[in-house]
Amino acid sequence: MEIQSIGPPNEFLSIDGPASVRVIDGRLYVLGAEYGPGSSFTVMRGRRIIAKSLSECKIEAVLGPEGKIETVNGANEVIDIWDKALSTIRLRNSTVVVMGAMDVGKTTVTTILVNKGVKEGLKVGGVIDGDPGGQNDIGPPTTISASIATGFITHLTQLRNLRSIFVKTTSIEHVWDYVLNSMTKMVNELWRNYNVDAVVINTDGWISEENAIKFKLELARRTGANHAVVIKRGDESTDLIKELMKIAVNVITIPSPPPNARVRDRDDRKIRREMGYSKYLMPSRELNVNLREKPIVNLPLFNGLRYDNYITRLIRRSLNMAIHYIEQWRGGAAVAIGNVKEFQIRNIGGVNIAILPMNWERGGLLVALEDRDNYLLSLGVLRKIYYNTGKAVISVPKTFINEGLVDHIRLGMIRVNDNYEEVEKVLYINRIESLLSSQNILESSN
């Protein structure tokens, strides 16, 4: 424990977590909130925040390993610039979307906006964590999640997860239309059913490609965003800003933090996700699921027509491969488990057949157990499918108790090993869904 005096006003502190800070005397500005005598806040491990004294202060700090507090040059910080720009936003009855590239401070800006709303006495809801592959501060990796703020926070992880939607992967570029529909659905429900006063949406760092810009523009449109806060670093977001200016949204551009701020590379993000899987799924238990009663919605096995032995033999000869299992869906498509090394689609007599490799489901494919409204009940890991009985074995957290609410299973596109390390992106799940959609077989997710 250490006691530190800060002053005069407008002195800046860099605080690296883990740290617990209590204000003994004076006032301190931290991420849009003001802390006076007797109040306290925490900084999580691996996080850094910048605080500013509003008067001469005295603080008490408890630092963990790697925790650190030091005075920094305020001229190099963006606190005042951000605070002035964000203070122009009228939060009540507004939807604010925060955009920018990776590691430019989107989560920090989201936190500031939340605290500003709480300071005004607002019910700041729909704090949407829309980055399934980055930080996933509210829900588990591969999901978008929402919460409602009830007090000041220093990081979104302090918020309780209210709702999550499984988006199958950590790479939005593969599923951006699905993510768009899901985020729109979540925002609409929060306004309609939770009586929030404001919605703040924290987005992913995919902004430069043509589809990324389309995604962000459509997100602003569909969620009815009043304000778009874009954190600008170099030219990364220039095209996005130009396009946002063309639609009915107030665009607020702010600079990115100085380059000495902590930056997480792709490996670090991957490690954080893997820790997230492990934290969420461990300890686990095995759950037996009847797929005829609780089907896989994006690969509807055991809900079609089984071919008789004669037709199956004809198909085997036409495909020139051993077929372990095959069934036909309505609409002129079929699924088969065959002796192939990689997923493929073949056409026989006008019937498209999706052929999966033997034991495709083994090796730790992430799945979601969802309710009838397609909200996440639990993540799981698919272990085995028994084709003779139509049963599946799925590893779920031991704490999962809502089996009765499970309406269906949704396959993900991430394969993890026994240590919950990501080992493969199973992109052919998208191809299966495209085939199902073309045959009007895939149900709408929202």
Protein backbone atom coordinates (compact mmCIF):
# COMPACT_ATOMS: atom_id res chain seq x y z
CA MET A 1 0.00 0.00 0.00
CA GLU A 2 1.24 3.46 -0.79
CA ILE A 3 -0.03 6.98 -0.19
CA GLN A 4 0.50 9.49 -2.97
CA SER A 5 -0.22 13.20 -3.18
CA ILE A 6 -1.31 14.68 -6.51
CA GLY A 7 -1.49 18.32 -7.38
CA PRO A 8 -1.97 20.98 -8.43
CA PRO A 9 -5.16 20.49 -10.50
CA ASN A 10 -4.78 19.03 -14.01
CA GLU A 11 -1.96 16.70 -13.09
CA PHE A 12 -2.14 13.39 -14.98
CA LEU A 13 -1.56 9.91 -13.61
CA SER A 14 -0.97 6.70 -15.55
CA ILE A 15 -2.28 3.73 -13.57
CA ASP A 16 -1.42 0.18 -14.66
CA GLY A 17 -3.40 -2.66 -13.14
CA PRO A 18 -3.87 -4.58 -11.09
CA ALA A 19 -4.47 -1.65 -8.77
CA SER A 20 -7.04 -0.56 -6.22
CA VAL A 21 -7.20 3.19 -5.63
CA ARG A 22 -9.06 5.09 -2.90
CA VAL A 23 -9.32 8.87 -2.81
CA ILE A 24 -8.47 10.21 0.64
CA ASP A 25 -8.79 13.90 -0.14
CA GLY A 26 -9.59 16.02 -3.18
CA ARG A 27 -11.22 14.99 -6.46
CA LEU A 28 -10.00 12.80 -9.32
CA TYR A 29 -11.38 12.47 -12.86
CA VAL A 30 -11.31 8.89 -14.17
CA LEU A 31 -12.93 7.86 -17.46
CA GLY A 32 -15.82 10.30 -17.38
CA ALA A 33 -16.47 9.90 -13.63
CA GLU A 34 -15.41 12.00 -10.66
CA TYR A 35 -14.18 10.37 -7.47
CA GLY A 36 -14.17 12.31 -4.19
CA PRO A 37 -13.05 11.54 -0.61
CA GLY A 38 -13.85 7.97 0.42
CA SER A 39 -14.65 6.73 -3.09
CA SER A 40 -12.55 4.10 -4.82
CA PHE A 41 -12.01 2.32 -8.13
CA THR A 42 -10.02 -0.60 -9.50
CA VAL A 43 -7.85 -1.10 -12.55
CA MET A 44 -7.68 -4.64 -13.87
CA ARG A 45 -4.53 -6.58 -14.66
CA GLY A 46 -3.19 -5.76 -18.09
CA ARG A 47 -5.15 -2.49 -18.27
CA ARG A 48 -3.97 1.10 -18.16
CA ILE A 49 -6.05 4.17 -17.45
CA ILE A 50 -5.19 7.85 -17.33
CA ALA A 51 -6.59 9.87 -14.41
CA LYS A 52 -6.58 13.63 -13.93
CA SER A 53 -6.62 15.60 -10.70
CA LEU A 54 -9.42 18.16 -10.40
CA SER A 55 -7.85 19.59 -7.25
CA GLU A 56 -4.97 18.78 -4.97
CA CYS A 57 -5.51 15.11 -4.11
CA LYS A 58 -4.26 12.41 -1.83
CA ILE A 59 -4.84 8.79 -2.80
CA GLU A 60 -4.20 5.39 -1.28
CA ALA A 61 -3.18 2.70 -3.75
CA VAL A 62 -2.78 -1.06 -3.43
CA LEU A 63 -0.78 -2.42 -6.36
CA GLY A 64 -0.57 -6.00 -7.51
CA PRO A 65 2.17 -7.60 -9.63
CA GLU A 66 2.93 -5.32 -12.60
CA GLY A 67 0.74 -2.62 -11.05
CA LYS A 68 2.21 0.86 -11.33
CA ILE A 69 1.28 4.52 -10.80
CA GLU A 70 3.29 7.37 -12.27
CA THR A 71 2.84 11.00 -13.21
CA VAL A 72 2.77 11.65 -16.95
CA ASN A 73 2.87 14.67 -19.21
CA GLY A 74 -0.70 15.75 -19.82
CA ALA A 75 0.26 17.44 -23.07
CA ASN A 76 0.67 14.00 -24.62
CA GLU A 77 -2.72 12.71 -23.45
CA VAL A 78 -6.13 12.92 -25.08
CA ILE A 79 -8.35 13.02 -21.98
CA ASP A 80 -9.37 16.66 -22.31
CA ILE A 81 -9.90 16.39 -26.08
CA TRP A 82 -12.06 13.32 -25.66
CA ASP A 83 -13.99 14.77 -22.74
CA LYS A 84 -14.80 17.98 -24.63
CA ALA A 85 -15.92 16.10 -27.75
CA LEU A 86 -17.97 13.48 -25.90
CA SER A 87 -19.63 16.13 -23.73
CA THR A 88 -21.37 17.46 -26.85
CA ILE A 89 -23.41 14.25 -27.07
CA ARG A 90 -26.89 14.37 -25.60
CA LEU A 91 -27.09 10.84 -24.26
CA ARG A 92 -30.73 10.70 -23.21
CA ASN A 93 -32.80 8.85 -25.83
CA SER A 94 -29.69 8.40 -27.99
CA THR A 95 -27.89 5.47 -29.54
CA VAL A 96 -24.14 6.02 -29.82
CA VAL A 97 -21.89 3.74 -31.84
CA VAL A 98 -18.14 3.80 -31.17
CA MET A 99 -15.92 2.92 -34.13
CA GLY A 100 -12.22 2.71 -34.94
CA ALA A 101 -9.41 0.31 -35.78
CA MET A 102 -7.98 -2.21 -33.33
CA ASP A 103 -6.39 -0.82 -30.16
CA VAL A 104 -7.33 2.83 -30.59
CA GLY A 105 -9.34 3.09 -27.36
CA LYS A 106 -12.91 2.13 -28.35
CA THR A 107 -13.50 0.33 -25.05
CA THR A 108 -12.17 3.32 -23.12
CA VAL A 109 -14.44 5.72 -25.01
CA THR A 110 -17.40 3.40 -24.43
CA THR A 111 -16.56 3.37 -20.71
CA ILE A 112 -16.41 7.18 -20.61
CA LEU A 113 -19.81 7.46 -22.30
CA VAL A 114 -21.29 4.96 -19.84
CA ASN A 115 -19.95 6.93 -16.87
CA LYS A 116 -21.19 10.21 -18.29
CA GLY A 117 -24.66 8.70 -18.60
CA VAL A 118 -24.55 7.31 -15.05
CA LYS A 119 -23.41 10.72 -13.79
CA GLU A 120 -26.52 12.23 -15.43
CA GLY A 121 -28.69 9.68 -13.67
CA LEU A 122 -29.51 7.76 -16.83
CA LYS A 123 -30.16 4.06 -17.21
CA VAL A 124 -27.37 3.38 -19.69
CA GLY A 125 -28.37 0.16 -21.28
CA GLY A 126 -27.46 -1.76 -24.34
CA VAL A 127 -23.79 -1.40 -23.60
CA ILE A 128 -23.25 -3.69 -26.55
CA ASP A 129 -19.92 -5.47 -26.73
CA GLY A 130 -19.83 -6.07 -30.46
CA ASP A 131 -16.28 -7.39 -30.81
CA PRO A 132 -16.47 -11.21 -30.78
CA GLY A 133 -12.79 -11.67 -31.60
CA GLY A 134 -11.12 -8.89 -29.66
CA GLN A 135 -11.70 -8.35 -25.98
CA ASN A 136 -15.18 -9.78 -25.29
CA ASP A 137 -15.44 -7.81 -22.09
CA ILE A 138 -19.05 -8.64 -21.25
CA GLY A 139 -19.72 -12.11 -22.71
CA PRO A 140 -17.58 -15.06 -23.81
CA PRO A 141 -15.59 -15.09 -27.07
CA THR A 142 -17.56 -15.67 -30.31
CA THR A 143 -20.52 -13.71 -28.91
CA ILE A 144 -21.92 -10.21 -28.87
CA SER A 145 -23.35 -9.23 -25.52
CA ALA A 146 -25.28 -6.52 -23.73
CA SER A 147 -25.51 -5.15 -20.23
CA ILE A 148 -26.97 -2.27 -18.23
CA ALA A 149 -24.78 0.04 -16.17
CA THR A 150 -25.87 0.79 -12.61
CA GLY A 151 -22.78 2.67 -11.41
CA PHE A 152 -19.40 4.03 -12.43
CA ILE A 153 -17.00 1.55 -14.01
CA THR A 154 -13.36 1.52 -15.07
CA HIS A 155 -13.85 -1.30 -17.56
CA LEU A 156 -16.71 -3.07 -19.31
CA THR A 157 -15.82 -6.36 -17.60
CA GLN A 158 -17.39 -4.90 -14.46
CA LEU A 159 -20.80 -5.04 -16.11
CA ARG A 160 -23.07 -8.06 -15.70
CA ASN A 161 -23.93 -9.88 -18.90
CA LEU A 162 -27.62 -9.47 -19.64
CA ARG A 163 -27.90 -11.16 -23.05
CA SER A 164 -25.53 -12.82 -25.51
CA ILE A 165 -25.89 -13.96 -29.10
CA PHE A 166 -23.51 -16.53 -30.53
CA VAL A 167 -22.04 -15.34 -33.86
CA LYS A 168 -20.11 -18.59 -34.57
CA THR A 169 -16.62 -17.15 -35.04
CA THR A 170 -14.19 -14.46 -33.95
CA SER A 171 -13.75 -12.97 -37.43
CA ILE A 172 -16.63 -10.66 -38.24
CA GLU A 173 -15.72 -10.47 -41.93
CA HIS A 174 -17.00 -14.05 -42.37
CA VAL A 175 -20.38 -13.45 -40.70
CA TRP A 176 -20.96 -9.71 -40.79
CA ASP A 177 -24.53 -9.93 -42.05
CA TYR A 178 -25.40 -12.33 -39.23
CA VAL A 179 -23.70 -10.05 -36.70
CA LEU A 180 -25.55 -7.05 -38.10
CA ASN A 181 -28.92 -8.76 -37.71
CA SER A 182 -28.05 -9.92 -34.21
CA MET A 183 -26.84 -6.52 -32.97
CA THR A 184 -29.91 -4.81 -34.41
CA LYS A 185 -32.15 -7.34 -32.70
CA MET A 186 -30.40 -6.84 -29.37
CA VAL A 187 -30.55 -3.04 -29.52
CA ASN A 188 -34.25 -3.10 -30.42
CA GLU A 189 -35.06 -5.44 -27.55
CA LEU A 190 -33.17 -3.33 -25.03
CA TRP A 191 -35.09 -0.22 -26.02
CA ARG A 192 -38.39 -2.08 -26.11
CA ASN A 193 -38.18 -4.37 -23.08
CA TYR A 194 -35.64 -2.84 -20.69
CA ASN A 195 -36.65 0.84 -20.68
CA VAL A 196 -33.12 2.14 -21.14
CA ASP A 197 -32.36 5.86 -21.48
CA ALA A 198 -29.37 5.43 -23.79
CA VAL A 199 -27.57 2.77 -25.80
CA VAL A 200 -23.81 2.67 -26.37
CA ILE A 201 -22.38 0.19 -28.90
CA ASN A 202 -18.71 -0.79 -28.76
CA THR A 203 -17.71 -2.24 -32.14
CA ASP A 204 -14.91 -4.36 -33.57
CA GLY A 205 -11.77 -3.02 -35.29
CA TRP A 206 -12.69 -4.07 -38.85
CA ILE A 207 -13.06 -0.71 -40.64
CA SER A 208 -10.91 -0.38 -43.77
CA GLU A 209 -12.24 -2.92 -46.27
CA GLU A 210 -15.25 -2.24 -48.48
CA ASN A 211 -17.45 -4.75 -46.65
CA ALA A 212 -16.28 -3.39 -43.30
CA ILE A 213 -17.51 0.07 -44.25
CA LYS A 214 -20.81 -1.36 -45.50
CA PHE A 215 -21.20 -3.22 -42.20
CA LYS A 216 -20.54 -0.13 -40.08
CA LEU A 217 -22.84 2.08 -42.15
CA GLU A 218 -25.66 -0.44 -42.03
CA LEU A 219 -25.13 -0.90 -38.30
CA ALA A 220 -25.57 2.84 -37.77
CA ARG A 221 -28.70 2.85 -39.94
CA ARG A 222 -30.41 -0.22 -38.52
CA THR A 223 -29.79 0.63 -34.87
CA GLY A 224 -31.01 4.19 -35.41
CA ALA A 225 -27.72 5.63 -34.17
CA ASN A 226 -27.86 9.36 -33.44
CA HIS A 227 -24.09 9.67 -32.97
CA ALA A 228 -21.05 7.86 -34.35
CA VAL A 229 -17.81 8.42 -32.45
CA VAL A 230 -14.87 7.54 -34.68
CA ILE A 231 -11.39 7.30 -33.18
CA LYS A 232 -8.96 8.30 -35.90
CA ARG A 233 -5.43 6.93 -36.18
CA GLY A 234 -3.67 7.92 -39.37
CA ASP A 235 -5.78 7.22 -42.47
CA GLU A 236 -7.31 3.95 -41.22
CA SER A 237 -10.82 5.35 -40.81
CA THR A 238 -10.82 8.11 -43.44
CA ASP A 239 -13.09 6.29 -45.90
CA LEU A 240 -15.45 5.24 -43.12
CA ILE A 241 -15.78 8.82 -41.88
CA LYS A 242 -16.55 10.06 -45.40
CA GLU A 243 -19.35 7.54 -45.79
CA LEU A 244 -20.77 8.19 -42.33
CA MET A 245 -21.01 11.89 -43.19
CA LYS A 246 -23.50 10.97 -45.92
CA ILE A 247 -26.10 9.43 -43.61
CA ALA A 248 -28.28 10.90 -40.89
CA VAL A 249 -25.87 10.50 -37.99
CA ASN A 250 -23.80 13.02 -36.05
CA VAL A 251 -20.16 12.06 -36.65
CA ILE A 252 -17.69 12.96 -33.90
CA THR A 253 -14.04 12.38 -34.77
CA ILE A 254 -11.47 12.15 -31.99
CA PRO A 255 -7.74 11.32 -32.05
CA SER A 256 -6.31 8.00 -30.93
CA PRO A 257 -4.23 7.86 -27.73
CA PRO A 258 -0.44 8.34 -27.86
CA PRO A 259 1.57 5.39 -29.23
CA ASN A 260 2.92 4.49 -25.79
CA ALA A 261 -0.51 3.22 -24.76
CA ARG A 262 -0.72 -0.54 -24.33
CA VAL A 263 -1.33 -2.33 -27.62
CA ARG A 264 -2.44 -5.95 -27.92
CA ASP A 265 -1.21 -7.87 -30.96
CA ARG A 266 -3.05 -10.77 -32.59
CA ASP A 267 -1.28 -13.37 -30.48
CA ASP A 268 -2.26 -11.53 -27.31
CA ARG A 269 -5.86 -11.35 -28.46
CA LYS A 270 -5.83 -15.06 -29.25
CA ILE A 271 -4.44 -15.84 -25.79
CA ARG A 272 -7.14 -13.66 -24.19
CA ARG A 273 -9.85 -15.49 -26.15
CA GLU A 274 -8.46 -18.88 -25.15
CA MET A 275 -8.44 -17.79 -21.53
CA GLY A 276 -12.05 -16.69 -22.06
CA TYR A 277 -13.05 -20.12 -23.40
CA SER A 278 -11.36 -21.85 -20.49
CA LYS A 279 -12.85 -19.53 -17.89
CA TYR A 280 -16.33 -19.97 -19.32
CA LEU A 281 -16.30 -23.73 -19.99
CA MET A 282 -14.24 -25.07 -17.08
CA PRO A 283 -14.99 -27.17 -15.17
CA SER A 284 -17.16 -28.99 -17.68
CA ARG A 285 -19.53 -31.93 -17.89
CA GLU A 286 -20.91 -33.97 -20.78
CA LEU A 287 -24.45 -33.39 -21.93
CA ASN A 288 -26.34 -35.88 -24.13
CA VAL A 289 -28.65 -34.16 -26.63
CA ASN A 290 -31.29 -35.75 -28.83
CA LEU A 291 -30.81 -33.93 -32.14
CA ARG A 292 -34.27 -34.94 -33.34
CA GLU A 293 -35.74 -32.95 -30.46
CA LYS A 294 -33.14 -30.19 -30.25
CA PRO A 295 -31.81 -29.92 -33.81
CA ILE A 296 -28.67 -28.31 -35.17
CA VAL A 297 -30.26 -25.33 -36.94
CA ASN A 298 -27.40 -24.69 -39.36
CA LEU A 299 -26.90 -28.38 -40.17
CA PRO A 300 -30.29 -30.06 -39.65
CA LEU A 301 -29.24 -33.67 -39.27
CA PHE A 302 -31.87 -36.30 -38.46
CA ASN A 303 -34.71 -34.09 -39.69
CA GLY A 304 -34.70 -35.13 -43.34
CA LEU A 305 -35.47 -38.26 -45.33
CA ARG A 306 -33.15 -41.25 -45.02
CA TYR A 307 -32.42 -42.83 -48.39
CA ASP A 308 -33.15 -46.55 -48.66
CA ASN A 309 -30.27 -48.97 -49.17
CA TYR A 310 -30.77 -49.15 -52.96
CA ILE A 311 -30.57 -45.37 -53.47
CA THR A 312 -27.66 -45.13 -51.04
CA ARG A 313 -25.71 -47.72 -53.06
CA LEU A 314 -26.39 -45.76 -56.26
CA ILE A 315 -25.13 -42.57 -54.61
CA ARG A 316 -22.02 -44.34 -53.36
CA ARG A 317 -21.23 -45.53 -56.87
CA SER A 318 -21.89 -42.10 -58.37
CA LEU A 319 -19.70 -40.39 -55.79
CA ASN A 320 -17.13 -43.20 -55.89
CA MET A 321 -16.64 -43.09 -52.15
CA ALA A 322 -17.72 -44.80 -48.97
CA ILE A 323 -20.72 -43.09 -47.36
CA HIS A 324 -21.23 -43.47 -43.62
CA TYR A 325 -24.50 -41.57 -43.39
CA ILE A 326 -26.76 -39.68 -45.82
CA GLU A 327 -30.14 -37.98 -45.69
CA GLN A 328 -32.08 -35.67 -47.98
CA TRP A 329 -33.46 -32.31 -46.92
CA ARG A 330 -36.49 -30.72 -48.42
CA GLY A 331 -35.78 -28.46 -51.36
CA GLY A 332 -33.38 -30.70 -53.26
CA ALA A 333 -30.29 -30.89 -51.08
CA ALA A 334 -28.68 -33.60 -49.01
CA VAL A 335 -25.97 -34.09 -46.40
CA ALA A 336 -23.57 -37.01 -46.27
CA ILE A 337 -20.75 -38.17 -44.05
CA GLY A 338 -18.19 -39.68 -46.39
CA ASN A 339 -14.65 -40.82 -46.89
CA VAL A 340 -13.28 -37.41 -47.90
CA LYS A 341 -10.39 -35.41 -46.48
CA GLU A 342 -12.08 -32.02 -46.82
CA PHE A 343 -15.62 -30.72 -47.05
CA GLN A 344 -17.07 -30.65 -50.57
CA ILE A 345 -20.35 -30.17 -52.40
CA ARG A 346 -21.25 -32.57 -55.21
CA ASN A 347 -24.29 -32.62 -57.50
CA ILE A 348 -26.06 -35.82 -58.54
CA GLY A 349 -29.18 -35.62 -60.67
CA GLY A 350 -29.88 -32.05 -59.63
CA VAL A 351 -29.40 -32.75 -55.92
CA ASN A 352 -26.61 -30.84 -54.18
CA ILE A 353 -24.95 -33.07 -51.59
CA ALA A 354 -22.88 -31.50 -48.81
CA ILE A 355 -20.25 -34.10 -47.91
CA LEU A 356 -18.54 -33.80 -44.54
CA PRO A 357 -15.40 -35.75 -43.58
CA MET A 358 -15.69 -38.70 -41.24
CA ASN A 359 -15.53 -37.59 -37.60
CA TRP A 360 -15.89 -33.94 -38.67
CA GLU A 361 -17.56 -33.11 -35.36
CA ARG A 362 -14.73 -34.42 -33.20
CA GLY A 363 -11.76 -32.35 -32.12
CA GLY A 364 -13.63 -29.67 -30.26
CA LEU A 365 -16.03 -27.73 -32.48
CA LEU A 366 -17.57 -24.82 -30.56
CA VAL A 367 -21.36 -24.77 -30.51
CA ALA A 368 -24.09 -22.75 -28.87
CA LEU A 369 -27.09 -24.04 -26.96
CA GLU A 370 -29.78 -21.46 -27.69
CA ASP A 371 -33.31 -20.69 -26.57
CA ARG A 372 -36.28 -20.34 -28.90
CA ASP A 373 -35.39 -16.67 -29.51
CA ASN A 374 -31.82 -17.58 -30.56
CA TYR A 375 -30.20 -16.11 -27.45
CA LEU A 376 -27.26 -17.95 -25.96
CA LEU A 377 -27.94 -20.24 -23.02
CA SER A 378 -24.48 -21.80 -22.97
CA LEU A 379 -21.41 -22.32 -25.09
CA GLY A 380 -20.39 -25.92 -25.56
CA VAL A 381 -17.90 -28.15 -27.34
CA LEU A 382 -19.26 -30.82 -29.67
CA ARG A 383 -17.54 -34.13 -28.91
CA LYS A 384 -19.38 -36.82 -30.87
CA ILE A 385 -22.51 -37.56 -32.89
CA TYR A 386 -24.05 -41.05 -32.84
CA TYR A 387 -25.69 -41.42 -36.25
CA ASN A 388 -27.51 -44.63 -35.34
CA THR A 389 -29.43 -42.95 -32.51
CA GLY A 390 -29.37 -39.26 -33.50
CA LYS A 391 -27.72 -38.29 -30.22
CA ALA A 392 -24.84 -35.84 -29.63
CA VAL A 393 -22.39 -35.47 -26.78
CA ILE A 394 -21.57 -31.85 -25.91
CA SER A 395 -19.26 -30.57 -23.19
CA VAL A 396 -20.90 -27.73 -21.26
CA PRO A 397 -19.99 -25.86 -18.06
CA LYS A 398 -20.86 -27.76 -14.91
CA THR A 399 -22.79 -24.71 -13.79
CA PHE A 400 -25.19 -24.89 -16.75
CA ILE A 401 -28.62 -25.77 -15.38
CA ASN A 402 -31.02 -24.54 -18.07
CA GLU A 403 -31.20 -27.69 -20.18
CA GLY A 404 -34.97 -27.44 -20.30
CA LEU A 405 -34.78 -24.07 -22.05
CA VAL A 406 -32.59 -25.34 -24.90
CA ASP A 407 -34.51 -25.14 -28.16
CA HIS A 408 -31.72 -25.95 -30.62
CA ILE A 409 -27.98 -26.15 -31.24
CA ARG A 410 -25.96 -23.83 -33.49
CA LEU A 411 -22.60 -24.91 -34.92
CA GLY A 412 -19.68 -22.53 -34.61
CA MET A 413 -16.69 -22.11 -36.89
CA ILE A 414 -13.93 -22.46 -34.28
CA ARG A 415 -12.29 -25.73 -33.26
CA VAL A 416 -10.49 -25.87 -29.91
CA ASN A 417 -8.31 -28.54 -28.33
CA ASP A 418 -8.58 -29.97 -24.82
CA ASN A 419 -6.75 -26.91 -23.45
CA TYR A 420 -9.26 -24.62 -25.21
CA GLU A 421 -6.61 -23.35 -27.60
CA GLU A 422 -7.90 -22.37 -31.04
CA VAL A 423 -6.63 -24.87 -33.59
CA GLU A 424 -8.79 -24.35 -36.68
CA LYS A 425 -11.38 -22.10 -38.29
CA VAL A 426 -14.01 -24.36 -39.85
CA LEU A 427 -15.05 -22.09 -42.70
CA TYR A 428 -17.10 -24.72 -44.51
CA ILE A 429 -19.89 -24.12 -41.99
CA ASN A 430 -20.55 -20.95 -43.99
CA ARG A 431 -20.75 -22.96 -47.22
CA ILE A 432 -23.28 -25.33 -45.66
CA GLU A 433 -25.39 -22.38 -44.52
CA SER A 434 -25.22 -20.86 -48.01
CA LEU A 435 -26.45 -24.15 -49.48
CA LEU A 436 -29.28 -24.34 -46.96
CA SER A 437 -30.27 -20.73 -47.62
CA SER A 438 -30.31 -21.31 -51.38
CA GLN A 439 -32.78 -24.16 -50.82
CA ASN A 440 -34.88 -22.15 -48.32
CA ILE A 441 -33.97 -24.66 -45.61
CA LEU A 442 -32.04 -22.47 -43.17
CA GLU A 443 -34.29 -20.72 -40.66
CA SER A 444 -33.90 -17.01 -40.02
CA SER A 445 -31.82 -16.35 -36.89
CA ASN A 446 -33.62 -13.18 -35.90
